[in-house]
């Protein structure tokens, strides 16, 4: 079916293109039910929707939970449960795309919360812009688990991940202006684009698969569009150790992209590793040179001062002084974990098809 028509509250049912929602899952028993329930509650016509849950050999109750939710919503969209032997996100997406019966592919992650009109807005934006992929803002939420300390840390991490000092100019984090961008969160794709640029890369040892796909789309002459009115919610980590592990892995994934295409796709990706390299070089040089010591103190001082000012501003905006100390920790954890993961991945060269371990 060719894409066409307008999607909206007053549109006739015939103008809604059929869509396939792909949900990669593995050991998501705590999130599977909520994820599937939200998909069944979408405003998009249910008879134009299929849901493909691609399970990566879960060892918990994920598959039975998905089947149970689908059974309770018998009048909802068709749901198919597919097997993912490789247990990777890229392979999950490819399995879903190969099995999809529709011309519009929408990715939803198990731990992401979406509003009832999320899919409708995605398809409407895809049709209106003519882009190959569209997406929206990745907005943080705090998990009310009864632990005030963890909730405060989670809020601080969410604030840092929504500020330019924390993540640069990534519009899908900042949500400031709609327009054509380098990458988006999740994605709503015109399926034809995969015939042009190929499927998700399963062979490169850990890359940022969404960034890689969006880069290939843009290199082929396609377009990626960000709509600030489309919002998907996520729960940030609630402790610094897990945050450090996550961003170490993210840095390694971006290094995988760099090794594959031999360049950065956005300036923000260069900043953390360049800053870490500068700190290390100046720190070592300060052992032998007064000028290097002065430069080291200046660069580090500017960074600390920027962290103090941004942390104070964000804590003041939230009217919670207790956030200040946590924000001071979050920013260096983000930056240095990402940069360290980047350099470690550059030094390790796993064979194609093998997962990057550390």
C-alpha atoms as a PDB file:
ATOM      1  CA  UNK A   1       0.000   0.000   0.000  1.00  0.00           C
ATOM      2  CA  UNK A   2       1.395   3.405  -0.941  1.00  0.00           C
ATOM      3  CA  UNK A   3       1.486   6.059   1.699  1.00  0.00           C
ATOM      4  CA  UNK A   4      -1.018   8.816   1.225  1.00  0.00           C
ATOM      5  CA  UNK A   5      -3.932  10.740   2.645  1.00  0.00           C
ATOM      6  CA  UNK A   6      -4.240  12.688   5.855  1.00  0.00           C
ATOM      7  CA  UNK A   7      -4.387  11.280   9.355  1.00  0.00           C
ATOM      8  CA  UNK A   8      -6.445  13.057  11.954  1.00  0.00           C
ATOM      9  CA  UNK A   9      -9.461  12.984  14.201  1.00  0.00           C
ATOM     10  CA  UNK A  10     -11.867  13.770  11.360  1.00  0.00           C
ATOM     11  CA  UNK A  11     -10.275  11.602   8.675  1.00  0.00           C
ATOM     12  CA  UNK A  12     -12.191   8.713   7.171  1.00  0.00           C
ATOM     13  CA  UNK A  13     -10.954   5.265   8.085  1.00  0.00           C
ATOM     14  CA  UNK A  14      -9.773   4.604   4.523  1.00  0.00           C
ATOM     15  CA  UNK A  15      -7.132   7.324   4.742  1.00  0.00           C
ATOM     16  CA  UNK A  16      -5.263   5.680   7.602  1.00  0.00           C
ATOM     17  CA  UNK A  17      -2.357   3.593   6.255  1.00  0.00           C
ATOM     18  CA  UNK A  18      -1.833   0.170   7.752  1.00  0.00           C
ATOM     19  CA  UNK A  19       0.983   0.132  10.302  1.00  0.00           C
ATOM     20  CA  UNK A  20       3.241  -2.447  11.933  1.00  0.00           C
ATOM     21  CA  UNK A  21       4.474  -1.706  15.458  1.00  0.00           C
ATOM     22  CA  UNK A  22       7.692  -3.562  16.298  1.00  0.00           C
ATOM     23  CA  UNK A  23       8.499  -4.087  19.983  1.00  0.00           C
ATOM     24  CA  UNK A  24      11.905  -5.649  20.769  1.00  0.00           C
ATOM     25  CA  UNK A  25      11.788  -7.408  24.165  1.00  0.00           C
ATOM     26  CA  UNK A  26      14.003  -9.538  26.357  1.00  0.00           C
ATOM     27  CA  UNK A  27      13.384 -10.250  30.037  1.00  0.00           C
ATOM     28  CA  UNK A  28      10.929  -7.371  30.359  1.00  0.00           C
ATOM     29  CA  UNK A  29       8.394  -9.021  32.702  1.00  0.00           C
ATOM     30  CA  UNK A  30       8.155  -5.839  34.759  1.00  0.00           C
ATOM     31  CA  UNK A  31       7.309  -3.658  31.755  1.00  0.00           C
ATOM     32  CA  UNK A  32       5.720  -5.935  29.138  1.00  0.00           C
ATOM     33  CA  UNK A  33       2.116  -5.634  30.339  1.00  0.00           C
ATOM     34  CA  UNK A  34       2.164  -1.841  30.530  1.00  0.00           C
ATOM     35  CA  UNK A  35       3.808  -1.563  27.133  1.00  0.00           C
ATOM     36  CA  UNK A  36       1.272  -3.772  25.360  1.00  0.00           C
ATOM     37  CA  UNK A  37      -1.698  -2.219  27.191  1.00  0.00           C
ATOM     38  CA  UNK A  38      -0.644   1.233  25.984  1.00  0.00           C
ATOM     39  CA  UNK A  39      -0.435  -0.040  22.404  1.00  0.00           C
ATOM     40  CA  UNK A  40      -3.943  -1.463  22.652  1.00  0.00           C
ATOM     41  CA  UNK A  41      -5.229   1.909  23.929  1.00  0.00           C
ATOM     42  CA  UNK A  42      -3.969   3.992  20.997  1.00  0.00           C
ATOM     43  CA  UNK A  43      -6.334   6.301  19.119  1.00  0.00           C
ATOM     44  CA  UNK A  44      -5.055   4.927  15.806  1.00  0.00           C
ATOM     45  CA  UNK A  45      -7.568   2.541  14.198  1.00  0.00           C
ATOM     46  CA  UNK A  46      -7.078  -0.940  15.623  1.00  0.00           C
ATOM     47  CA  UNK A  47      -8.076  -2.652  12.385  1.00  0.00           C
ATOM     48  CA  UNK A  48      -5.183  -0.852  10.632  1.00  0.00           C
ATOM     49  CA  UNK A  49      -2.625  -1.904  13.242  1.00  0.00           C
ATOM     50  CA  UNK A  50      -0.539  -5.000  13.839  1.00  0.00           C
ATOM     51  CA  UNK A  51       1.843  -5.433  16.786  1.00  0.00           C
ATOM     52  CA  UNK A  52       4.966  -7.567  16.383  1.00  0.00           C
ATOM     53  CA  UNK A  53       6.619  -8.411  19.702  1.00  0.00           C
ATOM     54  CA  UNK A  54      10.080  -9.790  18.926  1.00  0.00           C
ATOM     55  CA  UNK A  55      11.342 -11.693  21.958  1.00  0.00           C
ATOM     56  CA  UNK A  56      15.055 -12.310  22.473  1.00  0.00           C
ATOM     57  CA  UNK A  57      14.728 -15.676  24.207  1.00  0.00           C
ATOM     58  CA  UNK A  58      13.461 -14.218  27.497  1.00  0.00           C
ATOM     59  CA  UNK A  59      14.157 -16.288  30.609  1.00  0.00           C
ATOM     60  CA  UNK A  60      11.410 -14.645  32.652  1.00  0.00           C
ATOM     61  CA  UNK A  61       7.642 -14.439  32.088  1.00  0.00           C
ATOM     62  CA  UNK A  62       7.782 -11.845  29.317  1.00  0.00           C
ATOM     63  CA  UNK A  63       6.219 -14.006  26.594  1.00  0.00           C
ATOM     64  CA  UNK A  64       3.389 -15.338  28.744  1.00  0.00           C
ATOM     65  CA  UNK A  65       2.591 -11.822  29.954  1.00  0.00           C
ATOM     66  CA  UNK A  66       2.425 -10.530  26.376  1.00  0.00           C
ATOM     67  CA  UNK A  67       0.129 -13.400  25.367  1.00  0.00           C
ATOM     68  CA  UNK A  68      -2.080 -12.841  28.401  1.00  0.00           C
ATOM     69  CA  UNK A  69      -2.503  -9.119  27.713  1.00  0.00           C
ATOM     70  CA  UNK A  70      -3.292  -9.822  24.059  1.00  0.00           C
ATOM     71  CA  UNK A  71      -5.911 -12.400  25.063  1.00  0.00           C
ATOM     72  CA  UNK A  72      -7.621  -9.910  27.372  1.00  0.00           C
ATOM     73  CA  UNK A  73      -7.826  -7.415  24.510  1.00  0.00           C
ATOM     74  CA  UNK A  74      -9.319  -9.699  21.896  1.00  0.00           C
ATOM     75  CA  UNK A  75     -10.948  -6.831  19.994  1.00  0.00           C
ATOM     76  CA  UNK A  76      -7.687  -4.914  19.686  1.00  0.00           C
ATOM     77  CA  UNK A  77      -4.968  -4.995  17.012  1.00  0.00           C
ATOM     78  CA  UNK A  78      -3.533  -8.282  15.786  1.00  0.00           C
ATOM     79  CA  UNK A  79      -0.517  -9.234  17.912  1.00  0.00           C
ATOM     80  CA  UNK A  80       2.148 -11.694  16.797  1.00  0.00           C
ATOM     81  CA  UNK A  81       4.960 -12.990  19.002  1.00  0.00           C
ATOM     82  CA  UNK A  82       8.197 -13.626  17.083  1.00  0.00           C
ATOM     83  CA  UNK A  83      11.447 -15.304  18.142  1.00  0.00           C
ATOM     84  CA  UNK A  84      14.780 -13.465  18.110  1.00  0.00           C
ATOM     85  CA  UNK A  85      17.598 -16.056  18.424  1.00  0.00           C
ATOM     86  CA  UNK A  86      20.383 -13.432  18.412  1.00  0.00           C
ATOM     87  CA  UNK A  87      18.768 -11.489  21.283  1.00  0.00           C
ATOM     88  CA  UNK A  88      19.969  -8.152  19.883  1.00  0.00           C
ATOM     89  CA  UNK A  89      17.944  -5.001  19.195  1.00  0.00           C
ATOM     90  CA  UNK A  90      19.146  -4.768  15.580  1.00  0.00           C
ATOM     91  CA  UNK A  91      18.189  -8.380  14.850  1.00  0.00           C
ATOM     92  CA  UNK A  92      14.827  -7.827  16.576  1.00  0.00           C
ATOM     93  CA  UNK A  93      14.057  -4.880  14.317  1.00  0.00           C
ATOM     94  CA  UNK A  94      15.077  -6.819  11.213  1.00  0.00           C
ATOM     95  CA  UNK A  95      12.894  -9.792  12.143  1.00  0.00           C
ATOM     96  CA  UNK A  96       9.996  -7.417  12.677  1.00  0.00           C
ATOM     97  CA  UNK A  97      10.559  -5.587   9.382  1.00  0.00           C
ATOM     98  CA  UNK A  98      10.775  -8.845   7.413  1.00  0.00           C
ATOM     99  CA  UNK A  99       7.512 -10.048   8.949  1.00  0.00           C
ATOM    100  CA  UNK A 100       5.662  -6.732   8.777  1.00  0.00           C
ATOM    101  CA  UNK A 101       2.658  -6.629   6.480  1.00  0.00           C
ATOM    102  CA  UNK A 102       2.402  -2.831   6.386  1.00  0.00           C
ATOM    103  CA  UNK A 103       4.169   0.078   4.697  1.00  0.00           C
ATOM    104  CA  UNK A 104       4.680   2.022   7.940  1.00  0.00           C
ATOM    105  CA  UNK A 105       7.036   0.651  10.598  1.00  0.00           C
ATOM    106  CA  UNK A 106       6.916   2.058  14.139  1.00  0.00           C
ATOM    107  CA  UNK A 107       9.408   1.083  16.817  1.00  0.00           C
ATOM    108  CA  UNK A 108       8.395   1.017  20.469  1.00  0.00           C
ATOM    109  CA  UNK A 109      10.694  -0.125  23.297  1.00  0.00           C
ATOM    110  CA  UNK A 110       9.292  -2.113  26.197  1.00  0.00           C
ATOM    111  CA  UNK A 111      10.327   0.443  28.826  1.00  0.00           C
ATOM    112  CA  UNK A 112       8.941   3.426  26.961  1.00  0.00           C
ATOM    113  CA  UNK A 113       5.615   5.000  27.910  1.00  0.00           C
ATOM    114  CA  UNK A 114       3.563   6.638  25.162  1.00  0.00           C
ATOM    115  CA  UNK A 115       0.410   8.733  25.160  1.00  0.00           C
ATOM    116  CA  UNK A 116      -2.758   7.384  23.473  1.00  0.00           C
ATOM    117  CA  UNK A 117      -2.223   9.621  20.419  1.00  0.00           C
ATOM    118  CA  UNK A 118       1.479   8.796  19.987  1.00  0.00           C
ATOM    119  CA  UNK A 119       1.087   6.549  16.933  1.00  0.00           C
ATOM    120  CA  UNK A 120      -1.477   8.851  15.337  1.00  0.00           C
ATOM    121  CA  UNK A 121       0.880  11.818  15.629  1.00  0.00           C
ATOM    122  CA  UNK A 122       3.804   9.797  14.266  1.00  0.00           C
ATOM    123  CA  UNK A 123       1.916   8.668  11.151  1.00  0.00           C
ATOM    124  CA  UNK A 124       0.435  12.127  10.623  1.00  0.00           C
ATOM    125  CA  UNK A 125       3.927  13.659  10.739  1.00  0.00           C
ATOM    126  CA  UNK A 126       5.319  11.007   8.387  1.00  0.00           C
ATOM    127  CA  UNK A 127       2.637  11.747   5.801  1.00  0.00           C
ATOM    128  CA  UNK A 128       2.790  15.511   6.205  1.00  0.00           C
ATOM    129  CA  UNK A 129       6.582  15.846   5.926  1.00  0.00           C
ATOM    130  CA  UNK A 130       7.318  13.090   3.432  1.00  0.00           C
ATOM    131  CA  UNK A 131      10.320  12.132   5.578  1.00  0.00           C
ATOM    132  CA  UNK A 132      11.714   8.597   5.681  1.00  0.00           C
ATOM    133  CA  UNK A 133      11.732   8.514   9.473  1.00  0.00           C
ATOM    134  CA  UNK A 134      10.105  10.697  12.114  1.00  0.00           C
ATOM    135  CA  UNK A 135      10.261  10.732  15.880  1.00  0.00           C
ATOM    136  CA  UNK A 136       9.665  12.866  18.903  1.00  0.00           C
ATOM    137  CA  UNK A 137      11.014  13.851  22.266  1.00  0.00           C
ATOM    138  CA  UNK A 138      12.425  11.415  24.805  1.00  0.00           C
ATOM    139  CA  UNK A 139      11.156  12.859  28.086  1.00  0.00           C
ATOM    140  CA  UNK A 140      12.105  11.632  31.586  1.00  0.00           C
ATOM    141  CA  UNK A 141       9.695  10.454  34.252  1.00  0.00           C
ATOM    142  CA  UNK A 142      10.322   9.589  37.894  1.00  0.00           C
ATOM    143  CA  UNK A 143       9.343   6.114  39.055  1.00  0.00           C
ATOM    144  CA  UNK A 144       7.373   6.432  42.296  1.00  0.00           C
ATOM    145  CA  UNK A 145       8.862   3.448  44.117  1.00  0.00           C
ATOM    146  CA  UNK A 146       8.653   4.796  47.670  1.00  0.00           C
ATOM    147  CA  UNK A 147      12.409   5.436  47.949  1.00  0.00           C
ATOM    148  CA  UNK A 148      12.893   9.234  48.215  1.00  0.00           C
ATOM    149  CA  UNK A 149      16.666   8.970  47.709  1.00  0.00           C
ATOM    150  CA  UNK A 150      16.350   7.029  44.458  1.00  0.00           C
ATOM    151  CA  UNK A 151      13.543   9.240  43.229  1.00  0.00           C
ATOM    152  CA  UNK A 152      15.676  12.343  43.832  1.00  0.00           C
ATOM    153  CA  UNK A 153      18.639  10.819  42.004  1.00  0.00           C
ATOM    154  CA  UNK A 154      16.400   9.781  39.114  1.00  0.00           C
ATOM    155  CA  UNK A 155      14.993  13.303  38.875  1.00  0.00           C
ATOM    156  CA  UNK A 156      18.503  14.781  38.811  1.00  0.00           C
ATOM    157  CA  UNK A 157      19.594  12.383  36.070  1.00  0.00           C
ATOM    158  CA  UNK A 158      16.480  13.202  34.041  1.00  0.00           C
ATOM    159  CA  UNK A 159      17.174  16.927  34.327  1.00  0.00           C
ATOM    160  CA  UNK A 160      20.793  16.500  33.256  1.00  0.00           C
ATOM    161  CA  UNK A 161      19.738  14.424  30.251  1.00  0.00           C
ATOM    162  CA  UNK A 162      17.391  17.196  29.142  1.00  0.00           C
ATOM    163  CA  UNK A 163      19.958  20.021  29.287  1.00  0.00           C
ATOM    164  CA  UNK A 164      22.531  21.058  26.647  1.00  0.00           C
ATOM    165  CA  UNK A 165      25.367  20.860  29.200  1.00  0.00           C
ATOM    166  CA  UNK A 166      24.516  17.206  29.674  1.00  0.00           C
ATOM    167  CA  UNK A 167      23.759  16.052  26.126  1.00  0.00           C
ATOM    168  CA  UNK A 168      24.654  18.825  23.681  1.00  0.00           C
ATOM    169  CA  UNK A 169      22.216  19.758  20.919  1.00  0.00           C
ATOM    170  CA  UNK A 170      20.282  16.474  20.654  1.00  0.00           C
ATOM    171  CA  UNK A 171      16.807  17.773  19.819  1.00  0.00           C
ATOM    172  CA  UNK A 172      15.091  14.518  20.769  1.00  0.00           C
ATOM    173  CA  UNK A 173      16.308  15.190  24.324  1.00  0.00           C
ATOM    174  CA  UNK A 174      15.787  18.957  24.384  1.00  0.00           C
ATOM    175  CA  UNK A 175      12.491  19.115  22.504  1.00  0.00           C
ATOM    176  CA  UNK A 176      12.867  22.754  21.564  1.00  0.00           C
ATOM    177  CA  UNK A 177      12.206  22.955  17.835  1.00  0.00           C
ATOM    178  CA  UNK A 178      10.660  20.696  15.212  1.00  0.00           C
ATOM    179  CA  UNK A 179      12.601  20.166  12.017  1.00  0.00           C
ATOM    180  CA  UNK A 180      14.984  17.925  10.116  1.00  0.00           C
ATOM    181  CA  UNK A 181      17.677  16.430  12.359  1.00  0.00           C
ATOM    182  CA  UNK A 182      20.507  13.879  12.392  1.00  0.00           C
ATOM    183  CA  UNK A 183      18.651  11.285  14.470  1.00  0.00           C
ATOM    184  CA  UNK A 184      15.477  10.698  16.486  1.00  0.00           C
ATOM    185  CA  UNK A 185      14.340   8.485  19.335  1.00  0.00           C
ATOM    186  CA  UNK A 186      12.613   5.217  18.341  1.00  0.00           C
ATOM    187  CA  UNK A 187      11.186   6.092  14.914  1.00  0.00           C
ATOM    188  CA  UNK A 188       8.257   5.840  12.514  1.00  0.00           C
ATOM    189  CA  UNK A 189       9.599   4.680   9.140  1.00  0.00           C
ATOM    190  CA  UNK A 190       8.381   4.510   5.593  1.00  0.00           C
ATOM    191  CA  UNK A 191       9.114   0.807   5.009  1.00  0.00           C
ATOM    192  CA  UNK A 192      10.408   1.533   1.507  1.00  0.00           C
ATOM    193  CA  UNK A 193      13.497   3.138   3.023  1.00  0.00           C
ATOM    194  CA  UNK A 194      14.826  -0.278   4.080  1.00  0.00           C
ATOM    195  CA  UNK A 195      14.821  -1.397   0.457  1.00  0.00           C
ATOM    196  CA  UNK A 196      16.986   1.613  -0.331  1.00  0.00           C
ATOM    197  CA  UNK A 197      19.471   1.643   2.562  1.00  0.00           C
ATOM    198  CA  UNK A 198      19.246  -1.909   3.889  1.00  0.00           C
ATOM    199  CA  UNK A 199      18.145  -3.286   7.240  1.00  0.00           C
ATOM    200  CA  UNK A 200      19.654  -2.608  10.669  1.00  0.00           C
ATOM    201  CA  UNK A 201      23.294  -3.637  10.993  1.00  0.00           C
ATOM    202  CA  UNK A 202      23.621  -6.943  12.866  1.00  0.00           C
ATOM    203  CA  UNK A 203      27.298  -7.534  12.041  1.00  0.00           C
ATOM    204  CA  UNK A 204      29.131  -4.555  13.543  1.00  0.00           C
ATOM    205  CA  UNK A 205      30.139  -5.369  17.166  1.00  0.00           C
ATOM    206  CA  UNK A 206      27.907  -2.959  19.093  1.00  0.00           C
ATOM    207  CA  UNK A 207      26.912   0.247  17.398  1.00  0.00           C
ATOM    208  CA  UNK A 208      24.183   2.759  18.080  1.00  0.00           C
ATOM    209  CA  UNK A 209      21.776   1.092  15.676  1.00  0.00           C
ATOM    210  CA  UNK A 210      19.311   3.981  15.496  1.00  0.00           C
ATOM    211  CA  UNK A 211      22.036   6.545  14.767  1.00  0.00           C
ATOM    212  CA  UNK A 212      23.533   4.238  12.143  1.00  0.00           C
ATOM    213  CA  UNK A 213      20.199   3.785  10.398  1.00  0.00           C
ATOM    214  CA  UNK A 214      19.419   7.498  10.418  1.00  0.00           C
ATOM    215  CA  UNK A 215      22.904   8.272   9.079  1.00  0.00           C
ATOM    216  CA  UNK A 216      22.375   5.840   6.210  1.00  0.00           C
ATOM    217  CA  UNK A 217      18.992   7.385   5.490  1.00  0.00           C
ATOM    218  CA  UNK A 218      20.498  10.862   5.263  1.00  0.00           C
ATOM    219  CA  UNK A 219      23.472   9.678   3.201  1.00  0.00           C
ATOM    220  CA  UNK A 220      21.072   8.158   0.686  1.00  0.00           C
ATOM    221  CA  UNK A 221      19.351  11.519   0.242  1.00  0.00           C
ATOM    222  CA  UNK A 222      16.531  10.786   2.682  1.00  0.00           C
ATOM    223  CA  UNK A 223      15.318  12.899   5.575  1.00  0.00           C
ATOM    224  CA  UNK A 224      14.797  12.406   9.304  1.00  0.00           C
ATOM    225  CA  UNK A 225      12.250  14.668  10.993  1.00  0.00           C
ATOM    226  CA  UNK A 226      11.799  15.556  14.657  1.00  0.00           C
ATOM    227  CA  UNK A 227       8.359  16.686  15.890  1.00  0.00           C
ATOM    228  CA  UNK A 228       8.529  18.269  19.350  1.00  0.00           C
ATOM    229  CA  UNK A 229       4.821  17.565  19.895  1.00  0.00           C
ATOM    230  CA  UNK A 230       5.430  13.808  19.827  1.00  0.00           C
ATOM    231  CA  UNK A 231       6.550  12.648  23.281  1.00  0.00           C
ATOM    232  CA  UNK A 232       7.719   9.257  24.526  1.00  0.00           C
ATOM    233  CA  UNK A 233       8.509   8.926  28.223  1.00  0.00           C
ATOM    234  CA  UNK A 234      11.272   6.893  29.827  1.00  0.00           C
ATOM    235  CA  UNK A 235      12.574   6.225  33.330  1.00  0.00           C
ATOM    236  CA  UNK A 236      16.177   7.326  33.871  1.00  0.00           C
ATOM    237  CA  UNK A 237      18.524   5.258  36.022  1.00  0.00           C
ATOM    238  CA  UNK A 238      18.093   5.873  39.748  1.00  0.00           C
ATOM    239  CA  UNK A 239      21.731   5.434  40.837  1.00  0.00           C
ATOM    240  CA  UNK A 240      25.084   6.679  39.604  1.00  0.00           C
ATOM    241  CA  UNK A 241      26.678   3.247  39.185  1.00  0.00           C
ATOM    242  CA  UNK A 242      24.048   2.107  36.690  1.00  0.00           C
ATOM    243  CA  UNK A 243      24.186   5.474  34.944  1.00  0.00           C
ATOM    244  CA  UNK A 244      27.952   5.121  34.535  1.00  0.00           C
ATOM    245  CA  UNK A 245      27.593   1.600  33.120  1.00  0.00           C
ATOM    246  CA  UNK A 246      24.899   2.730  30.705  1.00  0.00           C
ATOM    247  CA  UNK A 247      26.844   5.699  29.359  1.00  0.00           C
ATOM    248  CA  UNK A 248      30.052   3.700  29.152  1.00  0.00           C
ATOM    249  CA  UNK A 249      28.115   1.356  26.854  1.00  0.00           C
ATOM    250  CA  UNK A 250      26.645   4.291  24.910  1.00  0.00           C
ATOM    251  CA  UNK A 251      30.116   5.727  24.379  1.00  0.00           C
ATOM    252  CA  UNK A 252      31.325   2.362  23.147  1.00  0.00           C
ATOM    253  CA  UNK A 253      28.381   2.123  20.773  1.00  0.00           C
ATOM    254  CA  UNK A 254      29.164   5.529  19.278  1.00  0.00           C
ATOM    255  CA  UNK A 255      32.787   4.442  18.858  1.00  0.00           C
ATOM    256  CA  UNK A 256      31.415   1.483  16.911  1.00  0.00           C
ATOM    257  CA  UNK A 257      29.661   3.934  14.582  1.00  0.00           C
ATOM    258  CA  UNK A 258      32.872   5.928  14.252  1.00  0.00           C
ATOM    259  CA  UNK A 259      34.878   2.822  13.335  1.00  0.00           C
ATOM    260  CA  UNK A 260      32.259   1.867  10.770  1.00  0.00           C
ATOM    261  CA  UNK A 261      31.880   5.189   8.905  1.00  0.00           C
ATOM    262  CA  UNK A 262      35.179   6.855   9.935  1.00  0.00           C
ATOM    263  CA  UNK A 263      33.585  10.104  11.085  1.00  0.00           C
ATOM    264  CA  UNK A 264      31.293  11.698  13.657  1.00  0.00           C
ATOM    265  CA  UNK A 265      27.739  12.411  12.529  1.00  0.00           C
ATOM    266  CA  UNK A 266      27.192  15.292  14.998  1.00  0.00           C
ATOM    267  CA  UNK A 267      29.595  17.625  16.821  1.00  0.00           C
ATOM    268  CA  UNK A 268      28.189  16.653  20.223  1.00  0.00           C
ATOM    269  CA  UNK A 269      29.669  13.162  19.784  1.00  0.00           C
ATOM    270  CA  UNK A 270      33.180  14.609  19.578  1.00  0.00           C
ATOM    271  CA  UNK A 271      33.006  16.769  22.710  1.00  0.00           C
ATOM    272  CA  UNK A 272      33.256  14.164  25.537  1.00  0.00           C
ATOM    273  CA  UNK A 273      36.206  12.176  24.112  1.00  0.00           C
ATOM    274  CA  UNK A 274      38.010  15.366  23.061  1.00  0.00           C
ATOM    275  CA  UNK A 275      37.551  16.860  26.531  1.00  0.00           C
ATOM    276  CA  UNK A 276      38.764  13.694  28.267  1.00  0.00           C
ATOM    277  CA  UNK A 277      41.783  13.518  25.975  1.00  0.00           C
ATOM    278  CA  UNK A 278      42.578  17.178  26.685  1.00  0.00           C
ATOM    279  CA  UNK A 279      42.337  16.639  30.452  1.00  0.00           C
ATOM    280  CA  UNK A 280      44.615  13.590  30.322  1.00  0.00           C
ATOM    281  CA  UNK A 281      47.217  15.290  28.099  1.00  0.00           C
ATOM    282  CA  UNK A 282      47.280  18.486  30.148  1.00  0.00           C
ATOM    283  CA  UNK A 283      47.290  16.549  33.419  1.00  0.00           C
ATOM    284  CA  UNK A 284      50.291  14.518  32.312  1.00  0.00           C
ATOM    285  CA  UNK A 285      51.992  17.564  30.861  1.00  0.00           C
ATOM    286  CA  UNK A 286      51.549  19.500  34.095  1.00  0.00           C
ATOM    287  CA  UNK A 287      54.084  17.160  35.686  1.00  0.00           C
ATOM    288  CA  UNK A 288      56.750  18.679  33.441  1.00  0.00           C
ATOM    289  CA  UNK A 289      55.490  22.127  32.441  1.00  0.00           C
ATOM    290  CA  UNK A 290      54.133  25.084  34.387  1.00  0.00           C
ATOM    291  CA  UNK A 291      52.158  26.257  31.344  1.00  0.00           C
ATOM    292  CA  UNK A 292      50.544  22.855  31.023  1.00  0.00           C
ATOM    293  CA  UNK A 293      49.665  22.967  34.728  1.00  0.00           C
ATOM    294  CA  UNK A 294      48.057  26.392  34.306  1.00  0.00           C
ATOM    295  CA  UNK A 295      46.114  25.227  31.256  1.00  0.00           C
ATOM    296  CA  UNK A 296      45.015  22.088  33.116  1.00  0.00           C
ATOM    297  CA  UNK A 297      43.763  24.107  36.066  1.00  0.00           C
ATOM    298  CA  UNK A 298      41.989  26.573  33.764  1.00  0.00           C
ATOM    299  CA  UNK A 299      40.173  23.934  31.681  1.00  0.00           C
ATOM    300  CA  UNK A 300      39.158  21.923  34.720  1.00  0.00           C
ATOM    301  CA  UNK A 301      38.111  25.083  36.552  1.00  0.00           C
ATOM    302  CA  UNK A 302      35.880  26.215  33.687  1.00  0.00           C
ATOM    303  CA  UNK A 303      34.232  22.784  33.586  1.00  0.00           C
ATOM    304  CA  UNK A 304      33.622  22.752  37.336  1.00  0.00           C
ATOM    305  CA  UNK A 305      32.279  26.307  37.251  1.00  0.00           C
ATOM    306  CA  UNK A 306      29.917  25.451  34.391  1.00  0.00           C
ATOM    307  CA  UNK A 307      28.700  22.421  36.333  1.00  0.00           C
ATOM    308  CA  UNK A 308      28.103  24.541  39.431  1.00  0.00           C
ATOM    309  CA  UNK A 309      26.149  27.190  37.535  1.00  0.00           C
ATOM    310  CA  UNK A 310      23.997  24.741  35.558  1.00  0.00           C
ATOM    311  CA  UNK A 311      23.317  22.601  38.638  1.00  0.00           C
ATOM    312  CA  UNK A 312      22.329  25.643  40.668  1.00  0.00           C
ATOM    313  CA  UNK A 313      20.050  26.897  37.894  1.00  0.00           C
ATOM    314  CA  UNK A 314      18.297  23.547  37.475  1.00  0.00           C
ATOM    315  CA  UNK A 315      17.907  22.994  41.218  1.00  0.00           C
ATOM    316  CA  UNK A 316      16.532  26.517  41.575  1.00  0.00           C
ATOM    317  CA  UNK A 317      14.093  26.013  38.727  1.00  0.00           C
ATOM    318  CA  UNK A 318      12.819  22.847  40.402  1.00  0.00           C
ATOM    319  CA  UNK A 319      12.832  24.621  43.793  1.00  0.00           C
ATOM    320  CA  UNK A 320      14.650  21.684  45.354  1.00  0.00           C
ATOM    321  CA  UNK A 321      18.024  22.496  46.870  1.00  0.00           C
ATOM    322  CA  UNK A 322      18.613  18.798  47.502  1.00  0.00           C
ATOM    323  CA  UNK A 323      18.974  18.292  43.738  1.00  0.00           C
ATOM    324  CA  UNK A 324      22.061  20.492  43.594  1.00  0.00           C
ATOM    325  CA  UNK A 325      24.578  17.996  44.965  1.00  0.00           C
ATOM    326  CA  UNK A 326      23.264  15.163  42.815  1.00  0.00           C
ATOM    327  CA  UNK A 327      23.374  17.274  39.673  1.00  0.00           C
ATOM    328  CA  UNK A 328      27.008  18.101  40.397  1.00  0.00           C
ATOM    329  CA  UNK A 329      27.733  14.373  40.276  1.00  0.00           C
ATOM    330  CA  UNK A 330      25.507  13.497  37.310  1.00  0.00           C
ATOM    331  CA  UNK A 331      27.247  15.674  34.716  1.00  0.00           C
ATOM    332  CA  UNK A 332      30.802  14.312  35.140  1.00  0.00           C
ATOM    333  CA  UNK A 333      29.415  10.757  35.377  1.00  0.00           C
ATOM    334  CA  UNK A 334      27.670  11.261  32.030  1.00  0.00           C
ATOM    335  CA  UNK A 335      30.602  12.894  30.283  1.00  0.00           C
ATOM    336  CA  UNK A 336      33.502  10.814  31.547  1.00  0.00           C
ATOM    337  CA  UNK A 337      31.695   7.456  31.388  1.00  0.00           C
ATOM    338  CA  UNK A 338      30.693   8.131  27.784  1.00  0.00           C
ATOM    339  CA  UNK A 339      34.202   9.256  26.829  1.00  0.00           C
ATOM    340  CA  UNK A 340      35.880   6.321  28.585  1.00  0.00           C
ATOM    341  CA  UNK A 341      33.587   3.838  26.863  1.00  0.00           C
ATOM    342  CA  UNK A 342      34.385   5.498  23.547  1.00  0.00           C
ATOM    343  CA  UNK A 343      38.148   5.075  23.949  1.00  0.00           C
ATOM    344  CA  UNK A 344      37.921   1.547  25.347  1.00  0.00           C
ATOM    345  CA  UNK A 345      35.820   0.511  22.348  1.00  0.00           C
ATOM    346  CA  UNK A 346      38.330   2.101  19.957  1.00  0.00           C
ATOM    347  CA  UNK A 347      41.093  -0.054  21.434  1.00  0.00           C
ATOM    348  CA  UNK A 348      39.042  -3.255  21.294  1.00  0.00           C
ATOM    349  CA  UNK A 349      38.275  -4.625  17.853  1.00  0.00           C
ATOM    350  CA  UNK A 350      35.831  -7.543  18.108  1.00  0.00           C
ATOM    351  CA  UNK A 351      35.286  -9.589  14.973  1.00  0.00           C
ATOM    352  CA  UNK A 352      32.168  -8.828  12.907  1.00  0.00           C
ATOM    353  CA  UNK A 353      29.098 -10.491  14.377  1.00  0.00           C
ATOM    354  CA  UNK A 354      30.551 -10.722  17.884  1.00  0.00           C
ATOM    355  CA  UNK A 355      29.107  -8.678  20.735  1.00  0.00           C
ATOM    356  CA  UNK A 356      31.395  -6.108  22.325  1.00  0.00           C
ATOM    357  CA  UNK A 357      32.222  -7.100  25.887  1.00  0.00           C
ATOM    358  CA  UNK A 358      33.995  -5.085  28.551  1.00  0.00           C
END
